Amino acid sequence: MQKPLIALLLAIACNSAFASQEIAPAGYAAARQQFVAGANGDESSRDAALEAFTKLAAGQPGHPVYLAYIGSVTAMQGRDAMMPWDKMKYSEKGANMIEKALTQLAPEHDAQLLNGTPESIETRLVAVNTLLALPGFMNRRAGGKRALQAALDSKALEQAPAPVRANLFAIAARVAAEDKRGPEEIAYLRQAVATQANIPAVAKAAARLKELGQ
């Protein structure tokens, strides 16, 4: 009778180890706001985001999401650089950081939340947005699509807030349209709309469905 009891206790311990927990430290929300402003072209906010996420990575080691953000900001530096060689240098460096962050994801990152979003989903969303935005000749699209599919297939996606899920479905619809996969585009557009998130991506998805006669 002892062996089944021990097995049960171990199972409970394992489940407890991966119970959802909020890990967003002080400064994360501000760093993300700076990141968004940097993504929209504000170079001072871009540099502030790089500094902020570097500090967060040092203070909370073992969290790939910060490396993904650092990689994305580094890629922004490539986007904003004047010289072609600097554009390539920073873009490649940033993309490599993101690819590394993706390889560091583990099951526990499904349960660690950043403002309610599982770390694994947040990391992959940053990766998707960055890698798919890089020029085609850099050959990062395949990596971006793999990260997107991994996010869509993850059970952790169900825990993510509606705007996060909507954004991922909208990106998936765009990729499907680019790849001439019409039925998949429509399916993802419908999933985006079904989240009922009050964000531009959902309004655009609804408009696209109407355009397609759906």
Protein backbone atom coordinates (compact mmCIF):
# COMPACT_ATOMS: atom_id res chain seq x y z
CA MET A 1 0.00 0.00 0.00
CA GLN A 2 2.96 2.31 0.52
CA LYS A 3 4.04 2.46 -3.14
CA PRO A 4 0.73 3.86 -4.46
CA LEU A 5 0.71 6.38 -1.61
CA ILE A 6 4.25 7.50 -2.40
CA ALA A 7 3.36 7.79 -6.11
CA LEU A 8 0.33 9.90 -5.23
CA LEU A 9 2.37 12.20 -3.03
CA LEU A 10 4.96 12.62 -5.77
CA ALA A 11 2.26 13.46 -8.29
CA ILE A 12 0.80 16.07 -5.95
CA ALA A 13 4.25 17.53 -5.39
CA CYS A 14 4.88 17.74 -9.15
CA ASN A 15 1.53 19.41 -9.79
CA SER A 16 2.20 21.92 -7.03
CA ALA A 17 5.62 22.70 -8.46
CA PHE A 18 4.00 23.86 -11.70
CA ALA A 19 1.04 25.70 -10.19
CA SER A 20 0.49 29.05 -11.89
CA GLN A 21 2.27 31.93 -10.21
CA GLU A 22 2.71 35.58 -11.10
CA ILE A 23 6.39 36.45 -11.54
CA ALA A 24 6.27 39.93 -13.08
CA PRO A 25 8.66 42.06 -11.01
CA ALA A 26 8.42 45.75 -10.30
CA GLY A 27 9.45 47.58 -13.42
CA TYR A 28 8.17 44.98 -15.89
CA ALA A 29 5.09 46.95 -16.93
CA ALA A 30 7.15 50.10 -17.47
CA ALA A 31 9.78 48.17 -19.43
CA ARG A 32 7.10 46.74 -21.68
CA GLN A 33 5.59 50.18 -22.28
CA GLN A 34 9.04 51.41 -23.32
CA PHE A 35 9.36 48.36 -25.56
CA VAL A 36 6.07 49.12 -27.33
CA ALA A 37 7.08 52.75 -27.83
CA GLY A 38 10.43 51.60 -29.20
CA ALA A 39 8.69 49.19 -31.57
CA ASN A 40 6.70 52.19 -32.83
CA GLY A 41 9.91 54.07 -33.66
CA ASP A 42 10.85 55.98 -30.49
CA GLU A 43 14.60 55.38 -30.24
CA SER A 44 14.96 56.77 -26.72
CA SER A 45 12.25 54.38 -25.48
CA ARG A 46 13.94 51.55 -27.39
CA ASP A 47 17.21 52.16 -25.55
CA ALA A 48 15.40 52.52 -22.22
CA ALA A 49 13.67 49.17 -22.84
CA LEU A 50 17.01 47.51 -23.56
CA GLU A 51 18.44 48.78 -20.29
CA ALA A 52 15.30 47.82 -18.35
CA PHE A 53 15.07 44.27 -19.68
CA THR A 54 18.81 43.75 -19.18
CA LYS A 55 18.35 44.64 -15.51
CA LEU A 56 15.31 42.38 -15.20
CA ALA A 57 17.28 39.49 -16.74
CA ALA A 58 20.07 40.02 -14.22
CA GLY A 59 17.63 40.20 -11.31
CA GLN A 60 15.52 37.21 -12.38
CA PRO A 61 17.83 34.68 -14.09
CA GLY A 62 16.29 31.61 -15.63
CA HIS A 63 13.49 33.42 -17.43
CA PRO A 64 13.82 33.23 -21.24
CA VAL A 65 11.23 35.95 -21.75
CA TYR A 66 13.73 38.67 -20.82
CA LEU A 67 16.28 37.36 -23.30
CA ALA A 68 13.57 37.38 -25.97
CA TYR A 69 12.77 41.00 -25.22
CA ILE A 70 16.46 41.93 -25.25
CA GLY A 71 16.80 40.18 -28.60
CA SER A 72 13.79 41.99 -30.00
CA VAL A 73 15.10 45.39 -28.90
CA THR A 74 18.50 44.54 -30.37
CA ALA A 75 16.77 43.75 -33.67
CA MET A 76 15.10 47.19 -33.42
CA GLN A 77 18.57 48.70 -33.25
CA GLY A 78 19.26 46.97 -36.54
CA ARG A 79 16.02 48.35 -37.98
CA ASP A 80 16.99 51.89 -36.94
CA ALA A 81 20.70 51.74 -37.87
CA MET A 82 21.92 53.93 -40.73
CA MET A 83 24.64 51.68 -42.14
CA PRO A 84 23.76 48.38 -43.87
CA TRP A 85 26.42 46.45 -41.98
CA ASP A 86 25.05 47.73 -38.66
CA LYS A 87 21.54 46.77 -39.72
CA MET A 88 22.70 43.21 -40.37
CA LYS A 89 24.88 43.01 -37.26
CA TYR A 90 22.16 44.03 -34.81
CA SER A 91 19.37 42.19 -36.59
CA GLU A 92 21.30 38.92 -36.64
CA LYS A 93 22.41 39.34 -33.03
CA GLY A 94 18.86 40.02 -31.90
CA ALA A 95 17.42 37.10 -33.87
CA ASN A 96 20.04 34.74 -32.41
CA MET A 97 19.12 35.86 -28.89
CA ILE A 98 15.47 35.15 -29.59
CA GLU A 99 16.21 31.71 -31.01
CA LYS A 100 18.25 30.97 -27.89
CA ALA A 101 15.40 32.12 -25.64
CA LEU A 102 13.04 29.73 -27.42
CA THR A 103 15.36 26.79 -26.78
CA GLN A 104 15.41 27.64 -23.06
CA LEU A 105 11.65 27.29 -22.61
CA ALA A 106 10.65 24.45 -20.29
CA PRO A 107 7.33 23.14 -18.91
CA GLU A 108 7.57 25.35 -15.83
CA HIS A 109 7.42 28.44 -18.04
CA ASP A 110 3.82 27.52 -18.92
CA ALA A 111 2.85 28.17 -15.30
CA GLN A 112 4.88 31.32 -14.64
CA LEU A 113 2.80 34.38 -15.46
CA LEU A 114 3.70 37.90 -16.52
CA ASN A 115 0.66 40.10 -15.90
CA GLY A 116 -1.49 37.02 -16.42
CA THR A 117 0.23 35.73 -19.57
CA PRO A 118 2.19 32.46 -19.34
CA GLU A 119 5.90 33.16 -19.82
CA SER A 120 6.13 30.57 -22.60
CA ILE A 121 3.37 32.32 -24.56
CA GLU A 122 4.85 35.79 -24.00
CA THR A 123 8.28 34.59 -25.11
CA ARG A 124 6.89 33.03 -28.26
CA LEU A 125 4.75 36.07 -29.05
CA VAL A 126 7.81 38.33 -28.88
CA ALA A 127 9.68 35.85 -31.06
CA VAL A 128 6.88 35.64 -33.61
CA ASN A 129 6.48 39.40 -33.95
CA THR A 130 10.22 39.93 -34.33
CA LEU A 131 11.29 37.03 -36.51
CA LEU A 132 8.41 37.42 -38.97
CA ALA A 133 9.19 41.13 -39.32
CA LEU A 134 12.81 40.58 -40.38
CA PRO A 135 13.69 40.75 -44.10
CA GLY A 136 13.18 37.53 -46.00
CA PHE A 137 16.83 37.21 -46.97
CA MET A 138 17.70 36.70 -43.30
CA ASN A 139 15.86 33.35 -43.39
CA ARG A 140 14.15 33.81 -40.02
CA ARG A 141 10.57 33.29 -41.19
CA ALA A 142 10.68 29.54 -40.61
CA GLY A 143 11.74 30.09 -37.00
CA GLY A 144 8.96 32.62 -36.53
CA LYS A 145 6.39 30.20 -37.92
CA ARG A 146 7.63 27.41 -35.63
CA ALA A 147 7.29 29.69 -32.61
CA LEU A 148 3.80 30.67 -33.75
CA GLN A 149 2.70 27.06 -34.14
CA ALA A 150 4.19 26.15 -30.76
CA ALA A 151 2.19 28.94 -29.13
CA LEU A 152 -1.02 27.92 -30.90
CA ASP A 153 -0.52 24.27 -29.90
CA SER A 154 0.29 25.03 -26.27
CA LYS A 155 -2.27 24.27 -23.58
CA ALA A 156 -0.93 27.36 -21.80
CA LEU A 157 -2.56 29.55 -24.45
CA GLU A 158 -5.94 28.94 -22.80
CA GLN A 159 -4.65 30.78 -19.71
CA ALA A 160 -3.55 33.87 -21.64
CA PRO A 161 -5.70 37.03 -21.57
CA ALA A 162 -8.05 37.54 -24.52
CA PRO A 163 -5.94 40.30 -26.17
CA VAL A 164 -2.88 38.01 -26.23
CA ARG A 165 -4.85 35.14 -27.75
CA ALA A 166 -6.46 37.49 -30.26
CA ASN A 167 -3.09 38.83 -31.38
CA LEU A 168 -1.73 35.32 -31.92
CA PHE A 169 -4.79 34.24 -33.90
CA ALA A 170 -4.58 37.41 -36.00
CA ILE A 171 -0.91 36.76 -36.78
CA ALA A 172 -1.72 33.15 -37.64
CA ALA A 173 -4.44 34.36 -40.02
CA ARG A 174 -2.01 36.76 -41.70
CA VAL A 175 0.61 34.04 -42.14
CA ALA A 176 -2.03 31.67 -43.54
CA ALA A 177 -3.11 34.34 -46.03
CA GLU A 178 0.49 34.94 -47.10
CA ASP A 179 0.90 31.19 -47.63
CA LYS A 180 -2.34 31.00 -49.66
CA ARG A 181 -4.08 28.82 -47.07
CA GLY A 182 -7.53 30.38 -47.30
CA PRO A 183 -9.56 28.04 -45.05
CA GLU A 184 -6.96 28.32 -42.27
CA GLU A 185 -6.98 32.10 -42.55
CA ILE A 186 -10.74 32.16 -42.08
CA ALA A 187 -10.56 29.77 -39.12
CA TYR A 188 -7.96 31.89 -37.35
CA LEU A 189 -9.86 35.10 -38.09
CA ARG A 190 -12.95 33.58 -36.48
CA GLN A 191 -10.92 32.56 -33.42
CA ALA A 192 -9.58 36.10 -33.10
CA VAL A 193 -13.08 37.58 -33.27
CA ALA A 194 -14.40 34.97 -30.81
CA THR A 195 -12.05 36.27 -28.09
CA GLN A 196 -14.13 39.49 -28.07
CA ALA A 197 -10.99 41.38 -27.10
CA ASN A 198 -11.36 45.12 -27.52
CA ILE A 199 -8.20 45.62 -29.58
CA PRO A 200 -7.51 46.71 -33.18
CA ALA A 201 -6.51 43.19 -34.24
CA VAL A 202 -10.03 41.93 -33.54
CA ALA A 203 -11.67 44.78 -35.44
CA LYS A 204 -9.36 44.10 -38.39
CA ALA A 205 -10.15 40.38 -38.23
CA ALA A 206 -13.88 41.10 -38.33
CA ALA A 207 -13.40 43.45 -41.29
CA ARG A 208 -11.32 40.84 -43.12
CA LEU A 209 -14.00 38.19 -42.57
CA LYS A 210 -16.58 40.54 -44.03
CA GLU A 211 -14.28 41.19 -46.99
CA LEU A 212 -14.04 37.44 -47.53
CA GLY A 213 -17.82 37.10 -47.38
CA GLN A 214 -17.81 35.26 -44.07
